[in-house]
Amino acid sequence: YGPEEVKFKTLSTNFLERDLPKVMPALGLGAEPIPLWWTTDFILASPVGTPSEDEKWIVGEFNCSCVGISKCLAAYCQDS
């Protein structure tokens, strides 16, 4: 599915506009920007048949790294 998928409009809108501003402070990183590249795995917590606008989603995990971009692996922080 693409980022404009109607099926996930409520999930996308709620996460990007309501929840995302709370993520970094909840992790004790309120003064830090969100990672440049990351993915979020969502788990649907609503019963089958729940209207999409009423669905509840749970974040299963965040992956913050150079997701699938191997050319960026050399850019991680090093002592040198």
PDB file of N, CA and C in Angstrom:
ATOM      1  N   TYR A   1       0.832  -1.183   0.000  1.00  0.00           N
ATOM      2  CA  TYR A   1       0.000   0.000   0.000  1.00  0.00           C
ATOM      3  C   TYR A   1       0.874   1.243   0.000  1.00  0.00           C
ATOM      4  N   GLY A   2       0.425   2.288  -0.689  1.00  0.00           N
ATOM      5  CA  GLY A   2       1.141   3.552  -0.721  1.00  0.00           C
ATOM      6  C   GLY A   2       0.735   4.455   0.434  1.00  0.00           C
ATOM      7  N   PRO A   3       1.432   5.552   0.606  1.00  0.00           N
ATOM      8  CA  PRO A   3       1.168   6.453   1.728  1.00  0.00           C
ATOM      9  C   PRO A   3      -0.195   7.132   1.673  1.00  0.00           C
ATOM     10  N   GLU A   4      -0.829   7.131   0.521  1.00  0.00           N
ATOM     11  CA  GLU A   4      -2.139   7.780   0.394  1.00  0.00           C
ATOM     12  C   GLU A   4      -3.294   6.782   0.416  1.00  0.00           C
ATOM     13  N   GLU A   5      -3.027   5.536   0.804  1.00  0.00           N
ATOM     14  CA  GLU A   5      -4.049   4.492   0.807  1.00  0.00           C
ATOM     15  C   GLU A   5      -5.219   4.893   1.706  1.00  0.00           C
ATOM     16  N   VAL A   6      -6.405   4.948   1.138  1.00  0.00           N
ATOM     17  CA  VAL A   6      -7.611   5.352   1.866  1.00  0.00           C
ATOM     18  C   VAL A   6      -7.902   4.411   3.036  1.00  0.00           C
ATOM     19  N   LYS A   7      -7.613   3.128   2.851  1.00  0.00           N
ATOM     20  CA  LYS A   7      -7.870   2.132   3.892  1.00  0.00           C
ATOM     21  C   LYS A   7      -7.165   2.472   5.202  1.00  0.00           C
ATOM     22  N   PHE A   8      -6.019   3.162   5.110  1.00  0.00           N
ATOM     23  CA  PHE A   8      -5.224   3.471   6.303  1.00  0.00           C
ATOM     24  C   PHE A   8      -5.166   4.964   6.595  1.00  0.00           C
ATOM     25  N   LYS A   9      -6.116   5.731   6.071  1.00  0.00           N
ATOM     26  CA  LYS A   9      -6.114   7.181   6.262  1.00  0.00           C
ATOM     27  C   LYS A   9      -6.200   7.563   7.741  1.00  0.00           C
ATOM     28  N   THR A  10      -7.099   6.924   8.486  1.00  0.00           N
ATOM     29  CA  THR A  10      -7.236   7.252   9.905  1.00  0.00           C
ATOM     30  C   THR A  10      -5.954   6.918  10.660  1.00  0.00           C
ATOM     31  N   LEU A  11      -5.374   5.752  10.408  1.00  0.00           N
ATOM     32  CA  LEU A  11      -4.118   5.367  11.046  1.00  0.00           C
ATOM     33  C   LEU A  11      -3.032   6.385  10.732  1.00  0.00           C
ATOM     34  N   SER A  12      -2.867   6.720   9.465  1.00  0.00           N
ATOM     35  CA  SER A  12      -1.821   7.665   9.055  1.00  0.00           C
ATOM     36  C   SER A  12      -2.025   9.039   9.671  1.00  0.00           C
ATOM     37  N   THR A  13      -3.244   9.549   9.594  1.00  0.00           N
ATOM     38  CA  THR A  13      -3.533  10.876  10.133  1.00  0.00           C
ATOM     39  C   THR A  13      -3.315  10.915  11.639  1.00  0.00           C
ATOM     40  N   ASN A  14      -3.854   9.933  12.355  1.00  0.00           N
ATOM     41  CA  ASN A  14      -3.684   9.911  13.809  1.00  0.00           C
ATOM     42  C   ASN A  14      -2.226   9.798  14.212  1.00  0.00           C
ATOM     43  N   PHE A  15      -1.482   8.933  13.532  1.00  0.00           N
ATOM     44  CA  PHE A  15      -0.081   8.756  13.900  1.00  0.00           C
ATOM     45  C   PHE A  15       0.738  10.005  13.592  1.00  0.00           C
ATOM     46  N   LEU A  16       0.588  10.537  12.403  1.00  0.00           N
ATOM     47  CA  LEU A  16       1.407  11.685  11.996  1.00  0.00           C
ATOM     48  C   LEU A  16       1.035  12.982  12.704  1.00  0.00           C
ATOM     49  N   GLU A  17      -0.242  13.196  12.956  1.00  0.00           N
ATOM     50  CA  GLU A  17      -0.671  14.474  13.516  1.00  0.00           C
ATOM     51  C   GLU A  17      -0.888  14.455  15.031  1.00  0.00           C
ATOM     52  N   ARG A  18      -1.333  13.336  15.568  1.00  0.00           N
ATOM     53  CA  ARG A  18      -1.658  13.284  16.999  1.00  0.00           C
ATOM     54  C   ARG A  18      -0.567  12.592  17.820  1.00  0.00           C
ATOM     55  N   ASP A  19      -0.100  11.437  17.337  1.00  0.00           N
ATOM     56  CA  ASP A  19       0.798  10.607  18.139  1.00  0.00           C
ATOM     57  C   ASP A  19       2.276  10.909  17.962  1.00  0.00           C
ATOM     58  N   LEU A  20       2.718  11.167  16.747  1.00  0.00           N
ATOM     59  CA  LEU A  20       4.141  11.353  16.474  1.00  0.00           C
ATOM     60  C   LEU A  20       4.797  12.433  17.334  1.00  0.00           C
ATOM     61  N   PRO A  21       4.148  13.577  17.564  1.00  0.00           N
ATOM     62  CA  PRO A  21       4.783  14.583  18.420  1.00  0.00           C
ATOM     63  C   PRO A  21       5.028  14.116  19.859  1.00  0.00           C
ATOM     64  N   LYS A  22       4.399  13.022  20.263  1.00  0.00           N
ATOM     65  CA  LYS A  22       4.555  12.499  21.622  1.00  0.00           C
ATOM     66  C   LYS A  22       5.621  11.405  21.729  1.00  0.00           C
ATOM     67  N   VAL A  23       6.066  10.873  20.593  1.00  0.00           N
ATOM     68  CA  VAL A  23       6.952   9.713  20.607  1.00  0.00           C
ATOM     69  C   VAL A  23       8.309  10.030  21.235  1.00  0.00           C
ATOM     70  N   MET A  24       9.006  11.022  20.725  1.00  0.00           N
ATOM     71  CA  MET A  24      10.349  11.303  21.238  1.00  0.00           C
ATOM     72  C   MET A  24      10.321  11.717  22.712  1.00  0.00           C
ATOM     73  N   PRO A  25       9.401  12.568  23.152  1.00  0.00           N
ATOM     74  CA  PRO A  25       9.340  12.869  24.588  1.00  0.00           C
ATOM     75  C   PRO A  25       9.063  11.620  25.441  1.00  0.00           C
ATOM     76  N   ALA A  26       8.215  10.719  24.957  1.00  0.00           N
ATOM     77  CA  ALA A  26       7.910   9.500  25.707  1.00  0.00           C
ATOM     78  C   ALA A  26       9.136   8.607  25.861  1.00  0.00           C
ATOM     79  N   LEU A  27      10.085   8.728  24.952  1.00  0.00           N
ATOM     80  CA  LEU A  27      11.322   7.946  25.010  1.00  0.00           C
ATOM     81  C   LEU A  27      12.422   8.670  25.786  1.00  0.00           C
ATOM     82  N   GLY A  28      12.081   9.832  26.347  1.00  0.00           N
ATOM     83  CA  GLY A  28      13.072  10.625  27.062  1.00  0.00           C
ATOM     84  C   GLY A  28      13.996  11.375  26.126  1.00  0.00           C
ATOM     85  N   LEU A  29      13.568  11.556  24.878  1.00  0.00           N
ATOM     86  CA  LEU A  29      14.397  12.201  23.855  1.00  0.00           C
ATOM     87  C   LEU A  29      13.680  13.420  23.277  1.00  0.00           C
ATOM     88  N   GLY A  30      12.957  14.130  24.123  1.00  0.00           N
ATOM     89  CA  GLY A  30      12.142  15.244  23.663  1.00  0.00           C
ATOM     90  C   GLY A  30      12.901  16.339  22.943  1.00  0.00           C
ATOM     91  N   ALA A  31      14.177  16.521  23.256  1.00  0.00           N
ATOM     92  CA  ALA A  31      14.974  17.568  22.614  1.00  0.00           C
ATOM     93  C   ALA A  31      15.613  17.105  21.307  1.00  0.00           C
ATOM     94  N   GLU A  32      15.440  15.839  20.975  1.00  0.00           N
ATOM     95  CA  GLU A  32      16.051  15.275  19.769  1.00  0.00           C
ATOM     96  C   GLU A  32      15.040  15.249  18.623  1.00  0.00           C
ATOM     97  N   PRO A  33      15.530  15.355  17.386  1.00  0.00           N
ATOM     98  CA  PRO A  33      14.620  15.210  16.239  1.00  0.00           C
ATOM     99  C   PRO A  33      14.280  13.740  16.038  1.00  0.00           C
ATOM    100  N   ILE A  34      13.183  13.479  15.326  1.00  0.00           N
ATOM    101  CA  ILE A  34      12.887  12.086  15.002  1.00  0.00           C
ATOM    102  C   ILE A  34      13.974  11.582  14.044  1.00  0.00           C
ATOM    103  N   PRO A  35      14.222  10.277  14.014  1.00  0.00           N
ATOM    104  CA  PRO A  35      15.242   9.736  13.108  1.00  0.00           C
ATOM    105  C   PRO A  35      14.921  10.059  11.653  1.00  0.00           C
ATOM    106  N   LEU A  36      15.976  10.256  10.882  1.00  0.00           N
ATOM    107  CA  LEU A  36      15.806  10.573   9.471  1.00  0.00           C
ATOM    108  C   LEU A  36      15.096   9.443   8.733  1.00  0.00           C
ATOM    109  N   TRP A  37      15.532   8.232   8.965  1.00  0.00           N
ATOM    110  CA  TRP A  37      14.919   7.060   8.344  1.00  0.00           C
ATOM    111  C   TRP A  37      14.451   6.128   9.439  1.00  0.00           C
ATOM    112  N   TRP A  38      13.207   5.752   9.372  1.00  0.00           N
ATOM    113  CA  TRP A  38      12.711   4.769  10.321  1.00  0.00           C
ATOM    114  C   TRP A  38      11.450   4.119   9.785  1.00  0.00           C
ATOM    115  N   THR A  39      11.132   2.998  10.377  1.00  0.00           N
ATOM    116  CA  THR A  39       9.890   2.322  10.041  1.00  0.00           C
ATOM    117  C   THR A  39       9.149   2.055  11.341  1.00  0.00           C
ATOM    118  N   THR A  40       7.863   1.924  11.228  1.00  0.00           N
ATOM    119  CA  THR A  40       7.021   1.599  12.374  1.00  0.00           C
ATOM    120  C   THR A  40       6.136   0.425  11.981  1.00  0.00           C
ATOM    121  N   ASP A  41       6.143  -0.610  12.798  1.00  0.00           N
ATOM    122  CA  ASP A  41       5.286  -1.764  12.565  1.00  0.00           C
ATOM    123  C   ASP A  41       4.050  -1.610  13.439  1.00  0.00           C
ATOM    124  N   PHE A  42       2.880  -1.619  12.812  1.00  0.00           N
ATOM    125  CA  PHE A  42       1.625  -1.461  13.526  1.00  0.00           C
ATOM    126  C   PHE A  42       0.888  -2.797  13.600  1.00  0.00           C
ATOM    127  N   ILE A  43       0.194  -3.013  14.719  1.00  0.00           N
ATOM    128  CA  ILE A  43      -0.630  -4.204  14.914  1.00  0.00           C
ATOM    129  C   ILE A  43      -2.064  -3.721  15.112  1.00  0.00           C
ATOM    130  N   LEU A  44      -2.975  -4.238  14.323  1.00  0.00           N
ATOM    131  CA  LEU A  44      -4.381  -3.879  14.455  1.00  0.00           C
ATOM    132  C   LEU A  44      -4.943  -4.530  15.715  1.00  0.00           C
ATOM    133  N   ALA A  45      -5.500  -3.710  16.614  1.00  0.00           N
ATOM    134  CA  ALA A  45      -6.024  -4.208  17.886  1.00  0.00           C
ATOM    135  C   ALA A  45      -7.547  -4.225  17.932  1.00  0.00           C
ATOM    136  N   SER A  46      -8.199  -3.872  16.845  1.00  0.00           N
ATOM    137  CA  SER A  46      -9.662  -3.828  16.806  1.00  0.00           C
ATOM    138  C   SER A  46     -10.226  -5.124  16.247  1.00  0.00           C
ATOM    139  N   PRO A  47     -11.430  -5.465  16.663  1.00  0.00           N
ATOM    140  CA  PRO A  47     -12.068  -6.665  16.113  1.00  0.00           C
ATOM    141  C   PRO A  47     -12.335  -6.515  14.614  1.00  0.00           C
ATOM    142  N   VAL A  48     -12.373  -7.636  13.935  1.00  0.00           N
ATOM    143  CA  VAL A  48     -12.711  -7.651  12.513  1.00  0.00           C
ATOM    144  C   VAL A  48     -14.067  -6.978  12.330  1.00  0.00           C
ATOM    145  N   GLY A  49     -14.179  -6.136  11.333  1.00  0.00           N
ATOM    146  CA  GLY A  49     -15.424  -5.459  11.047  1.00  0.00           C
ATOM    147  C   GLY A  49     -15.526  -4.067  11.637  1.00  0.00           C
ATOM    148  N   THR A  50     -14.547  -3.667  12.453  1.00  0.00           N
ATOM    149  CA  THR A  50     -14.548  -2.314  13.015  1.00  0.00           C
ATOM    150  C   THR A  50     -14.368  -1.324  11.872  1.00  0.00           C
ATOM    151  N   PRO A  51     -15.182  -0.276  11.793  1.00  0.00           N
ATOM    152  CA  PRO A  51     -14.989   0.733  10.748  1.00  0.00           C
ATOM    153  C   PRO A  51     -13.587   1.341  10.853  1.00  0.00           C
ATOM    154  N   SER A  52     -12.958   1.609   9.727  1.00  0.00           N
ATOM    155  CA  SER A  52     -11.572   2.087   9.734  1.00  0.00           C
ATOM    156  C   SER A  52     -11.387   3.344  10.577  1.00  0.00           C
ATOM    157  N   GLU A  53     -12.398   4.209  10.622  1.00  0.00           N
ATOM    158  CA  GLU A  53     -12.248   5.445  11.401  1.00  0.00           C
ATOM    159  C   GLU A  53     -12.275   5.186  12.911  1.00  0.00           C
ATOM    160  N   ASP A  54     -12.688   3.965  13.329  1.00  0.00           N
ATOM    161  CA  ASP A  54     -12.734   3.618  14.745  1.00  0.00           C
ATOM    162  C   ASP A  54     -11.657   2.612  15.146  1.00  0.00           C
ATOM    163  N   GLU A  55     -10.827   2.188  14.194  1.00  0.00           N
ATOM    164  CA  GLU A  55      -9.807   1.190  14.487  1.00  0.00           C
ATOM    165  C   GLU A  55      -8.784   1.707  15.487  1.00  0.00           C
ATOM    166  N   LYS A  56      -8.276   0.776  16.290  1.00  0.00           N
ATOM    167  CA  LYS A  56      -7.201   1.055  17.240  1.00  0.00           C
ATOM    168  C   LYS A  56      -5.976   0.267  16.787  1.00  0.00           C
ATOM    169  N   TRP A  57      -4.838   0.955  16.732  1.00  0.00           N
ATOM    170  CA  TRP A  57      -3.594   0.334  16.295  1.00  0.00           C
ATOM    171  C   TRP A  57      -2.564   0.449  17.409  1.00  0.00           C
ATOM    172  N   ILE A  58      -1.713  -0.552  17.523  1.00  0.00           N
ATOM    173  CA  ILE A  58      -0.632  -0.584  18.507  1.00  0.00           C
ATOM    174  C   ILE A  58       0.685  -0.610  17.744  1.00  0.00           C
ATOM    175  N   VAL A  59       1.653   0.172  18.207  1.00  0.00           N
ATOM    176  CA  VAL A  59       2.987   0.104  17.607  1.00  0.00           C
ATOM    177  C   VAL A  59       3.668  -1.145  18.136  1.00  0.00           C
ATOM    178  N   GLY A  60       4.046  -2.023  17.232  1.00  0.00           N
ATOM    179  CA  GLY A  60       4.761  -3.236  17.604  1.00  0.00           C
ATOM    180  C   GLY A  60       6.234  -2.966  17.821  1.00  0.00           C
ATOM    181  N   GLU A  61       6.805  -2.125  16.961  1.00  0.00           N
ATOM    182  CA  GLU A  61       8.210  -1.748  17.105  1.00  0.00           C
ATOM    183  C   GLU A  61       8.537  -0.581  16.189  1.00  0.00           C
ATOM    184  N   PHE A  62       9.582   0.122  16.572  1.00  0.00           N
ATOM    185  CA  PHE A  62      10.190   1.143  15.724  1.00  0.00           C
ATOM    186  C   PHE A  62      11.543   0.608  15.292  1.00  0.00           C
ATOM    187  N   ASN A  63      11.892   0.791  14.039  1.00  0.00           N
ATOM    188  CA  ASN A  63      13.219   0.454  13.545  1.00  0.00           C
ATOM    189  C   ASN A  63      13.851   1.742  13.043  1.00  0.00           C
ATOM    190  N   CYS A  64      14.882   2.190  13.725  1.00  0.00           N
ATOM    191  CA  CYS A  64      15.545   3.435  13.358  1.00  0.00           C
ATOM    192  C   CYS A  64      16.945   3.107  12.871  1.00  0.00           C
ATOM    193  N   SER A  65      17.136   3.201  11.578  1.00  0.00           N
ATOM    194  CA  SER A  65      18.431   2.886  10.988  1.00  0.00           C
ATOM    195  C   SER A  65      18.397   3.312   9.539  1.00  0.00           C
ATOM    196  N   CYS A  66      19.337   2.830   8.790  1.00  0.00           N
ATOM    197  CA  CYS A  66      19.366   3.089   7.352  1.00  0.00           C
ATOM    198  C   CYS A  66      18.558   1.987   6.681  1.00  0.00           C
ATOM    199  N   VAL A  67      17.270   2.031   6.862  1.00  0.00           N
ATOM    200  CA  VAL A  67      16.364   0.970   6.437  1.00  0.00           C
ATOM    201  C   VAL A  67      16.518   0.664   4.949  1.00  0.00           C
ATOM    202  N   GLY A  68      17.104  -0.474   4.645  1.00  0.00           N
ATOM    203  CA  GLY A  68      17.216  -0.938   3.274  1.00  0.00           C
ATOM    204  C   GLY A  68      18.129  -0.119   2.379  1.00  0.00           C
ATOM    205  N   ILE A  69      18.925   0.754   2.961  1.00  0.00           N
ATOM    206  CA  ILE A  69      19.799   1.606   2.144  1.00  0.00           C
ATOM    207  C   ILE A  69      21.242   1.307   2.547  1.00  0.00           C
ATOM    208  N   SER A  70      21.813   0.289   1.946  1.00  0.00           N
ATOM    209  CA  SER A  70      23.128  -0.184   2.364  1.00  0.00           C
ATOM    210  C   SER A  70      24.234   0.833   2.133  1.00  0.00           C
ATOM    211  N   LYS A  71      24.070   1.741   1.192  1.00  0.00           N
ATOM    212  CA  LYS A  71      25.102   2.757   0.950  1.00  0.00           C
ATOM    213  C   LYS A  71      25.281   3.677   2.150  1.00  0.00           C
ATOM    214  N   CYS A  72      24.296   3.753   3.015  1.00  0.00           N
ATOM    215  CA  CYS A  72      24.354   4.665   4.171  1.00  0.00           C
ATOM    216  C   CYS A  72      24.972   4.001   5.403  1.00  0.00           C
ATOM    217  N   LEU A  73      25.237   2.718   5.355  1.00  0.00           N
ATOM    218  CA  LEU A  73      25.766   2.042   6.536  1.00  0.00           C
ATOM    219  C   LEU A  73      27.094   2.639   7.013  1.00  0.00           C
ATOM    220  N   ALA A  74      27.892   3.133   6.092  1.00  0.00           N
ATOM    221  CA  ALA A  74      29.176   3.713   6.464  1.00  0.00           C
ATOM    222  C   ALA A  74      29.024   5.068   7.153  1.00  0.00           C
ATOM    223  N   ALA A  75      27.836   5.640   7.177  1.00  0.00           N
ATOM    224  CA  ALA A  75      27.619   6.966   7.739  1.00  0.00           C
ATOM    225  C   ALA A  75      27.272   6.947   9.226  1.00  0.00           C
ATOM    226  N   TYR A  76      27.236   5.771   9.839  1.00  0.00           N
ATOM    227  CA  TYR A  76      26.897   5.728  11.261  1.00  0.00           C
ATOM    228  C   TYR A  76      28.016   6.351  12.090  1.00  0.00           C
ATOM    229  N   CYS A  77      27.710   6.737  13.320  1.00  0.00           N
ATOM    230  CA  CYS A  77      28.692   7.412  14.185  1.00  0.00           C
ATOM    231  C   CYS A  77      29.828   6.463  14.523  1.00  0.00           C
ATOM    232  N   GLN A  78      31.027   6.979  14.416  1.00  0.00           N
ATOM    233  CA  GLN A  78      32.220   6.220  14.753  1.00  0.00           C
ATOM    234  C   GLN A  78      33.110   7.100  15.616  1.00  0.00           C
ATOM    235  N   ASP A  79      34.006   6.491  16.372  1.00  0.00           N
ATOM    236  CA  ASP A  79      34.954   7.255  17.204  1.00  0.00           C
ATOM    237  C   ASP A  79      35.840   8.133  16.337  1.00  0.00           C
ATOM    238  N   SER A  80      36.178   7.660  15.153  1.00  0.00           N
ATOM    239  CA  SER A  80      37.059   8.437  14.277  1.00  0.00           C
ATOM    240  C   SER A  80      36.257   9.451  13.502  1.00  0.00           C
TER     241      SER A  80
END
